[in-house]
Amino acid sequence: MGKSRATARVLEVEGNRSQGHITVEFTTRDGRRVETEDRRRGWPADAGPGDEVEVVYDPNDAAGSVQRFQDVRKALVVVPCFTIVAVLSGVAAYRTRPR
């Protein structure tokens, strides 16, 4: 919603996922080169210097709004599978309850 997408290069990774930072560099649609640092939470655990990651950003504040791009299409497979397992578990629990 009003955000642009780009491919960023990981420059540096510090700390762990709960208390670390990641520094990425990317080029905006209008050609500006942006280097920014963000908390590691939400970024791939195995991201390392030189890796490429997809990011989204607000064109009006590219350095202050960069986030990792998350493809919600992957959830279209995971959510139904989780729902099926939950329903089957509920049925099994109901059928094996003491009478």
C-alpha atoms as a PDB file:
ATOM      1  CA  MET A   1       0.000   0.000   0.000  1.00  0.00           C
ATOM      2  CA  GLY A   2       2.116   2.855  -1.251  1.00  0.00           C
ATOM      3  CA  LYS A   3       5.354   0.998  -0.626  1.00  0.00           C
ATOM      4  CA  SER A   4       7.974   0.214  -3.238  1.00  0.00           C
ATOM      5  CA  ARG A   5       9.928  -3.003  -3.531  1.00  0.00           C
ATOM      6  CA  ALA A   6      13.659  -3.436  -4.156  1.00  0.00           C
ATOM      7  CA  THR A   7      16.451  -5.979  -3.883  1.00  0.00           C
ATOM      8  CA  ALA A   8      18.866  -5.072  -1.106  1.00  0.00           C
ATOM      9  CA  ARG A   9      22.364  -6.333  -0.388  1.00  0.00           C
ATOM     10  CA  VAL A  10      23.229  -7.219   3.209  1.00  0.00           C
ATOM     11  CA  LEU A  11      26.321  -5.273   4.281  1.00  0.00           C
ATOM     12  CA  GLU A  12      26.643  -6.246   7.925  1.00  0.00           C
ATOM     13  CA  VAL A  13      24.945  -8.419  10.535  1.00  0.00           C
ATOM     14  CA  GLU A  14      25.554  -7.881  14.265  1.00  0.00           C
ATOM     15  CA  GLY A  15      24.270  -9.693  17.326  1.00  0.00           C
ATOM     16  CA  ASN A  16      21.438 -12.190  17.442  1.00  0.00           C
ATOM     17  CA  ARG A  17      17.859 -12.024  16.165  1.00  0.00           C
ATOM     18  CA  SER A  18      16.453 -10.552  19.381  1.00  0.00           C
ATOM     19  CA  GLN A  19      19.151  -7.952  20.051  1.00  0.00           C
ATOM     20  CA  GLY A  20      21.051  -7.540  16.812  1.00  0.00           C
ATOM     21  CA  HIS A  21      21.115  -5.208  13.841  1.00  0.00           C
ATOM     22  CA  ILE A  22      21.334  -5.726  10.099  1.00  0.00           C
ATOM     23  CA  THR A  23      22.645  -3.158   7.636  1.00  0.00           C
ATOM     24  CA  VAL A  24      21.358  -3.271   4.066  1.00  0.00           C
ATOM     25  CA  GLU A  25      21.944  -1.231   0.927  1.00  0.00           C
ATOM     26  CA  PHE A  26      19.539  -0.800  -1.970  1.00  0.00           C
ATOM     27  CA  THR A  27      18.662   1.554  -4.797  1.00  0.00           C
ATOM     28  CA  THR A  28      15.248   3.230  -4.846  1.00  0.00           C
ATOM     29  CA  ARG A  29      13.085   3.449  -7.968  1.00  0.00           C
ATOM     30  CA  ASP A  30      14.254   7.014  -8.537  1.00  0.00           C
ATOM     31  CA  GLY A  31      17.924   5.947  -8.410  1.00  0.00           C
ATOM     32  CA  ARG A  32      18.900   6.985  -4.873  1.00  0.00           C
ATOM     33  CA  ARG A  33      21.308   4.647  -3.101  1.00  0.00           C
ATOM     34  CA  VAL A  34      20.173   3.991   0.469  1.00  0.00           C
ATOM     35  CA  GLU A  35      22.120   2.360   3.282  1.00  0.00           C
ATOM     36  CA  THR A  36      20.175   1.716   6.462  1.00  0.00           C
ATOM     37  CA  GLU A  37      20.318  -0.281   9.673  1.00  0.00           C
ATOM     38  CA  ASP A  38      17.381  -2.126  11.218  1.00  0.00           C
ATOM     39  CA  ARG A  39      16.781  -4.533  14.093  1.00  0.00           C
ATOM     40  CA  ARG A  40      17.347  -8.157  13.040  1.00  0.00           C
ATOM     41  CA  ARG A  41      13.941  -9.330  14.236  1.00  0.00           C
ATOM     42  CA  GLY A  42      11.884 -10.174  11.164  1.00  0.00           C
ATOM     43  CA  TRP A  43      14.860 -10.620   8.852  1.00  0.00           C
ATOM     44  CA  PRO A  44      16.055 -14.048   7.676  1.00  0.00           C
ATOM     45  CA  ALA A  45      18.041 -15.827  10.391  1.00  0.00           C
ATOM     46  CA  ASP A  46      20.669 -16.973   7.902  1.00  0.00           C
ATOM     47  CA  ALA A  47      21.188 -13.586   6.210  1.00  0.00           C
ATOM     48  CA  GLY A  48      24.859 -12.708   5.967  1.00  0.00           C
ATOM     49  CA  PRO A  49      27.067 -10.077   4.345  1.00  0.00           C
ATOM     50  CA  GLY A  50      26.756 -10.206   0.562  1.00  0.00           C
ATOM     51  CA  ASP A  51      23.345 -11.898   0.561  1.00  0.00           C
ATOM     52  CA  GLU A  52      20.446 -10.358  -1.317  1.00  0.00           C
ATOM     53  CA  VAL A  53      17.033  -9.874   0.295  1.00  0.00           C
ATOM     54  CA  GLU A  54      13.809  -8.378  -1.010  1.00  0.00           C
ATOM     55  CA  VAL A  55      12.729  -5.231   0.848  1.00  0.00           C
ATOM     56  CA  VAL A  56       9.822  -2.804   0.811  1.00  0.00           C
ATOM     57  CA  TYR A  57      10.127   0.864   1.694  1.00  0.00           C
ATOM     58  CA  ASP A  58       8.166   4.105   1.742  1.00  0.00           C
ATOM     59  CA  PRO A  59       9.444   6.245  -1.166  1.00  0.00           C
ATOM     60  CA  ASN A  60       9.140   9.365   1.035  1.00  0.00           C
ATOM     61  CA  ASP A  61      11.353   7.885   3.794  1.00  0.00           C
ATOM     62  CA  ALA A  62      13.355   5.050   2.255  1.00  0.00           C
ATOM     63  CA  ALA A  63      16.023   4.853   4.974  1.00  0.00           C
ATOM     64  CA  GLY A  64      13.575   5.038   7.860  1.00  0.00           C
ATOM     65  CA  SER A  65      10.946   2.642   6.594  1.00  0.00           C
ATOM     66  CA  VAL A  66      12.762  -0.343   5.082  1.00  0.00           C
ATOM     67  CA  GLN A  67      11.360  -3.761   5.967  1.00  0.00           C
ATOM     68  CA  ARG A  68      11.931  -7.240   4.670  1.00  0.00           C
ATOM     69  CA  PHE A  69       9.425  -8.199   1.974  1.00  0.00           C
ATOM     70  CA  GLN A  70       7.186 -11.018   3.148  1.00  0.00           C
ATOM     71  CA  ASP A  71       5.386 -12.973   0.474  1.00  0.00           C
ATOM     72  CA  VAL A  72       1.907 -13.686   1.847  1.00  0.00           C
ATOM     73  CA  ARG A  73       1.286 -16.217  -0.907  1.00  0.00           C
ATOM     74  CA  LYS A  74       3.324 -18.687   1.154  1.00  0.00           C
ATOM     75  CA  ALA A  75       0.674 -18.428   3.878  1.00  0.00           C
ATOM     76  CA  LEU A  76      -1.933 -19.693   1.408  1.00  0.00           C
ATOM     77  CA  VAL A  77      -0.369 -23.142   1.785  1.00  0.00           C
ATOM     78  CA  VAL A  78       0.567 -23.076   5.472  1.00  0.00           C
ATOM     79  CA  VAL A  79      -2.740 -21.799   6.891  1.00  0.00           C
ATOM     80  CA  PRO A  80      -4.995 -24.445   5.297  1.00  0.00           C
ATOM     81  CA  CYS A  81      -2.572 -27.212   6.326  1.00  0.00           C
ATOM     82  CA  PHE A  82      -2.534 -25.934   9.901  1.00  0.00           C
ATOM     83  CA  THR A  83      -6.343 -25.737   9.885  1.00  0.00           C
ATOM     84  CA  ILE A  84      -6.693 -29.342   8.698  1.00  0.00           C
ATOM     85  CA  VAL A  85      -4.284 -30.602  11.374  1.00  0.00           C
ATOM     86  CA  ALA A  86      -6.103 -28.610  14.067  1.00  0.00           C
ATOM     87  CA  VAL A  87      -9.511 -29.973  13.017  1.00  0.00           C
ATOM     88  CA  LEU A  88      -8.241 -33.560  12.888  1.00  0.00           C
ATOM     89  CA  SER A  89      -6.639 -33.161  16.316  1.00  0.00           C
ATOM     90  CA  GLY A  90      -9.904 -31.822  17.719  1.00  0.00           C
ATOM     91  CA  VAL A  91     -11.879 -34.719  16.243  1.00  0.00           C
ATOM     92  CA  ALA A  92      -9.386 -37.237  17.646  1.00  0.00           C
ATOM     93  CA  ALA A  93      -9.501 -35.616  21.091  1.00  0.00           C
ATOM     94  CA  TYR A  94     -13.310 -35.588  21.058  1.00  0.00           C
ATOM     95  CA  ARG A  95     -13.547 -39.244  20.026  1.00  0.00           C
ATOM     96  CA  THR A  96     -11.059 -40.426  22.678  1.00  0.00           C
ATOM     97  CA  ARG A  97     -12.517 -38.483  25.593  1.00  0.00           C
ATOM     98  CA  PRO A  98     -13.650 -40.497  28.626  1.00  0.00           C
ATOM     99  CA  ARG A  99     -17.387 -41.133  28.736  1.00  0.00           C
END
